[in-house]
Amino acid sequence: MDTNTQIIGPQTTVTGAVRGKGPLAIAGRVDGQVILEGDCLIMARAVVQAAIEADTVEVRGAVKGDVRARGHVIVAANASVEGLIEAPRVEIDPQARVRARLAMPIQLPRGVRART
């Protein structure tokens, strides 16, 4: 975390939408929606029951909801994700628990079409 990171503390519960710019670390609980122009870190003991949209999402805690990143999603050891994971790049630690659909858009070479 850098010095500009906003933190939702471990004793805090947020119900509703969290929107903003810049990095956000969640150490508590969020129920609803997280939409950021920046990175989102779900810390080890955090519980998030929300759809998350950010540049990069790193999950170290528990997420139940769709996770969408413009850059990449990282699911660390001992983390859990249940929902959709959508990003151009996804890293899942072998010790993570994931029950999710995975969507990774790809860029096909010019003139190549995907079969439907």
C-alpha atoms as a PDB file:
ATOM      1  CA  MET A   1       0.000   0.000   0.000  1.00  0.00           C
ATOM      2  CA  ASP A   2       1.209   3.468  -0.752  1.00  0.00           C
ATOM      3  CA  THR A   3       0.610   6.578   1.339  1.00  0.00           C
ATOM      4  CA  ASN A   4      -2.375   7.626  -0.815  1.00  0.00           C
ATOM      5  CA  THR A   5      -4.320   4.429  -0.111  1.00  0.00           C
ATOM      6  CA  GLN A   6      -7.712   4.916   1.515  1.00  0.00           C
ATOM      7  CA  ILE A   7      -8.628   2.222   4.059  1.00  0.00           C
ATOM      8  CA  ILE A   8     -11.919   0.758   5.198  1.00  0.00           C
ATOM      9  CA  GLY A   9     -10.809  -0.404   8.633  1.00  0.00           C
ATOM     10  CA  PRO A  10     -11.257  -3.829  10.217  1.00  0.00           C
ATOM     11  CA  GLN A  11     -14.006  -2.610  12.579  1.00  0.00           C
ATOM     12  CA  THR A  12     -15.962  -0.891   9.787  1.00  0.00           C
ATOM     13  CA  THR A  13     -18.960  -2.180   7.807  1.00  0.00           C
ATOM     14  CA  VAL A  14     -20.080  -0.325   4.687  1.00  0.00           C
ATOM     15  CA  THR A  15     -23.496  -1.064   3.215  1.00  0.00           C
ATOM     16  CA  GLY A  16     -24.162   0.411  -0.228  1.00  0.00           C
ATOM     17  CA  ALA A  17     -21.925   1.724  -2.991  1.00  0.00           C
ATOM     18  CA  VAL A  18     -18.292   2.695  -2.534  1.00  0.00           C
ATOM     19  CA  ARG A  19     -17.062   4.878  -5.420  1.00  0.00           C
ATOM     20  CA  GLY A  20     -13.850   6.801  -5.822  1.00  0.00           C
ATOM     21  CA  LYS A  21     -10.438   7.397  -7.327  1.00  0.00           C
ATOM     22  CA  GLY A  22      -7.112   6.135  -6.157  1.00  0.00           C
ATOM     23  CA  PRO A  23      -6.171   2.953  -4.327  1.00  0.00           C
ATOM     24  CA  LEU A  24      -8.500   1.441  -1.714  1.00  0.00           C
ATOM     25  CA  ALA A  25      -7.736  -1.235   0.870  1.00  0.00           C
ATOM     26  CA  ILE A  26     -10.632  -3.032   2.517  1.00  0.00           C
ATOM     27  CA  ALA A  27      -9.867  -4.574   5.896  1.00  0.00           C
ATOM     28  CA  GLY A  28     -13.469  -4.658   7.165  1.00  0.00           C
ATOM     29  CA  ARG A  29     -16.743  -5.566   5.509  1.00  0.00           C
ATOM     30  CA  VAL A  30     -18.454  -4.152   2.412  1.00  0.00           C
ATOM     31  CA  ASP A  31     -21.960  -5.182   1.309  1.00  0.00           C
ATOM     32  CA  GLY A  32     -23.071  -3.636  -1.978  1.00  0.00           C
ATOM     33  CA  GLN A  33     -20.802  -2.356  -4.728  1.00  0.00           C
ATOM     34  CA  VAL A  34     -17.221  -1.089  -5.131  1.00  0.00           C
ATOM     35  CA  ILE A  35     -16.400   1.005  -8.224  1.00  0.00           C
ATOM     36  CA  LEU A  36     -12.926   2.534  -8.399  1.00  0.00           C
ATOM     37  CA  GLU A  37     -10.655   4.383 -10.763  1.00  0.00           C
ATOM     38  CA  GLY A  38      -7.607   2.816  -9.166  1.00  0.00           C
ATOM     39  CA  ASP A  39      -6.568  -0.394  -7.439  1.00  0.00           C
ATOM     40  CA  CYS A  40      -8.485  -2.372  -4.827  1.00  0.00           C
ATOM     41  CA  LEU A  41      -6.934  -4.613  -2.175  1.00  0.00           C
ATOM     42  CA  ILE A  42      -9.165  -6.958  -0.188  1.00  0.00           C
ATOM     43  CA  MET A  43      -7.113  -7.663   2.917  1.00  0.00           C
ATOM     44  CA  ALA A  44      -6.775 -11.054   4.639  1.00  0.00           C
ATOM     45  CA  ARG A  45      -9.646 -10.791   7.130  1.00  0.00           C
ATOM     46  CA  ALA A  46     -11.942  -8.673   4.981  1.00  0.00           C
ATOM     47  CA  VAL A  47     -15.345  -9.900   3.845  1.00  0.00           C
ATOM     48  CA  VAL A  48     -16.795  -8.352   0.704  1.00  0.00           C
ATOM     49  CA  GLN A  49     -20.258  -9.240  -0.553  1.00  0.00           C
ATOM     50  CA  ALA A  50     -20.261  -6.865  -3.467  1.00  0.00           C
ATOM     51  CA  ALA A  51     -19.563  -6.428  -7.145  1.00  0.00           C
ATOM     52  CA  ILE A  52     -16.071  -4.955  -7.541  1.00  0.00           C
ATOM     53  CA  GLU A  53     -14.775  -2.941 -10.494  1.00  0.00           C
ATOM     54  CA  ALA A  54     -11.266  -1.453 -10.440  1.00  0.00           C
ATOM     55  CA  ASP A  55      -8.014  -1.190 -12.369  1.00  0.00           C
ATOM     56  CA  THR A  56      -6.415  -4.046 -10.405  1.00  0.00           C
ATOM     57  CA  VAL A  57      -8.085  -6.205  -7.762  1.00  0.00           C
ATOM     58  CA  GLU A  58      -6.023  -8.223  -5.298  1.00  0.00           C
ATOM     59  CA  VAL A  59      -7.988 -10.570  -3.068  1.00  0.00           C
ATOM     60  CA  ARG A  60      -6.420 -11.830   0.149  1.00  0.00           C
ATOM     61  CA  GLY A  61      -9.708 -12.184   2.044  1.00  0.00           C
ATOM     62  CA  ALA A  62     -13.203 -13.339   1.014  1.00  0.00           C
ATOM     63  CA  VAL A  63     -15.272 -11.997  -1.888  1.00  0.00           C
ATOM     64  CA  LYS A  64     -18.761 -13.109  -2.847  1.00  0.00           C
ATOM     65  CA  GLY A  65     -19.699 -11.187  -5.984  1.00  0.00           C
ATOM     66  CA  ASP A  66     -18.418 -10.356  -9.443  1.00  0.00           C
ATOM     67  CA  VAL A  67     -14.845  -9.083  -9.717  1.00  0.00           C
ATOM     68  CA  ARG A  68     -13.999  -7.042 -12.821  1.00  0.00           C
ATOM     69  CA  ALA A  69     -10.598  -5.469 -13.434  1.00  0.00           C
ATOM     70  CA  ARG A  70      -9.321  -3.396 -16.326  1.00  0.00           C
ATOM     71  CA  GLY A  71      -5.789  -4.682 -15.662  1.00  0.00           C
ATOM     72  CA  HIS A  72      -5.603  -7.859 -13.635  1.00  0.00           C
ATOM     73  CA  VAL A  73      -7.039  -9.854 -10.756  1.00  0.00           C
ATOM     74  CA  ILE A  74      -4.862 -11.613  -8.189  1.00  0.00           C
ATOM     75  CA  VAL A  75      -6.361 -14.230  -5.873  1.00  0.00           C
ATOM     76  CA  ALA A  76      -3.805 -14.943  -3.153  1.00  0.00           C
ATOM     77  CA  ALA A  77      -3.243 -18.063  -1.048  1.00  0.00           C
ATOM     78  CA  ASN A  78      -6.037 -18.658   1.482  1.00  0.00           C
ATOM     79  CA  ALA A  79      -8.323 -16.134  -0.257  1.00  0.00           C
ATOM     80  CA  SER A  80     -11.768 -17.079  -1.540  1.00  0.00           C
ATOM     81  CA  VAL A  81     -13.814 -15.776  -4.455  1.00  0.00           C
ATOM     82  CA  GLU A  82     -17.331 -16.800  -5.439  1.00  0.00           C
ATOM     83  CA  GLY A  83     -18.812 -15.185  -8.566  1.00  0.00           C
ATOM     84  CA  LEU A  84     -17.476 -14.006 -11.912  1.00  0.00           C
ATOM     85  CA  ILE A  85     -13.825 -13.028 -12.397  1.00  0.00           C
ATOM     86  CA  GLU A  86     -13.316 -10.885 -15.492  1.00  0.00           C
ATOM     87  CA  ALA A  87      -9.972  -9.365 -16.476  1.00  0.00           C
ATOM     88  CA  PRO A  88      -7.372  -9.513 -19.251  1.00  0.00           C
ATOM     89  CA  ARG A  89      -4.973 -11.176 -16.778  1.00  0.00           C
ATOM     90  CA  VAL A  90      -5.851 -13.413 -13.817  1.00  0.00           C
ATOM     91  CA  GLU A  91      -3.502 -14.992 -11.252  1.00  0.00           C
ATOM     92  CA  ILE A  92      -4.885 -17.608  -8.861  1.00  0.00           C
ATOM     93  CA  ASP A  93      -2.693 -19.103  -6.142  1.00  0.00           C
ATOM     94  CA  PRO A  94      -3.036 -22.901  -5.885  1.00  0.00           C
ATOM     95  CA  GLN A  95      -4.049 -22.526  -2.218  1.00  0.00           C
ATOM     96  CA  ALA A  96      -6.903 -20.113  -2.994  1.00  0.00           C
ATOM     97  CA  ARG A  97     -10.525 -21.242  -2.971  1.00  0.00           C
ATOM     98  CA  VAL A  98     -12.324 -20.159  -6.132  1.00  0.00           C
ATOM     99  CA  ARG A  99     -15.842 -20.982  -7.226  1.00  0.00           C
ATOM    100  CA  ALA A 100     -16.234 -18.677 -10.186  1.00  0.00           C
ATOM    101  CA  ARG A 101     -16.731 -18.258 -13.893  1.00  0.00           C
ATOM    102  CA  LEU A 102     -13.654 -16.856 -15.560  1.00  0.00           C
ATOM    103  CA  ALA A 103     -13.813 -14.396 -18.468  1.00  0.00           C
ATOM    104  CA  MET A 104     -10.592 -13.227 -20.069  1.00  0.00           C
ATOM    105  CA  PRO A 105     -10.954 -11.159 -23.240  1.00  0.00           C
ATOM    106  CA  ILE A 106      -8.371 -11.952 -25.886  1.00  0.00           C
ATOM    107  CA  GLN A 107      -6.989  -9.999 -28.817  1.00  0.00           C
ATOM    108  CA  LEU A 108      -6.987 -12.141 -31.938  1.00  0.00           C
ATOM    109  CA  PRO A 109      -4.508 -11.392 -34.707  1.00  0.00           C
ATOM    110  CA  ARG A 110      -5.837  -9.273 -37.540  1.00  0.00           C
ATOM    111  CA  GLY A 111      -7.960 -11.350 -39.914  1.00  0.00           C
ATOM    112  CA  VAL A 112      -8.510 -14.205 -37.440  1.00  0.00           C
ATOM    113  CA  ARG A 113     -12.034 -14.829 -36.193  1.00  0.00           C
ATOM    114  CA  ALA A 114     -13.202 -16.908 -33.279  1.00  0.00           C
ATOM    115  CA  ARG A 115     -15.607 -19.749 -33.905  1.00  0.00           C
ATOM    116  CA  THR A 116     -19.040 -19.309 -32.375  1.00  0.00           C
END
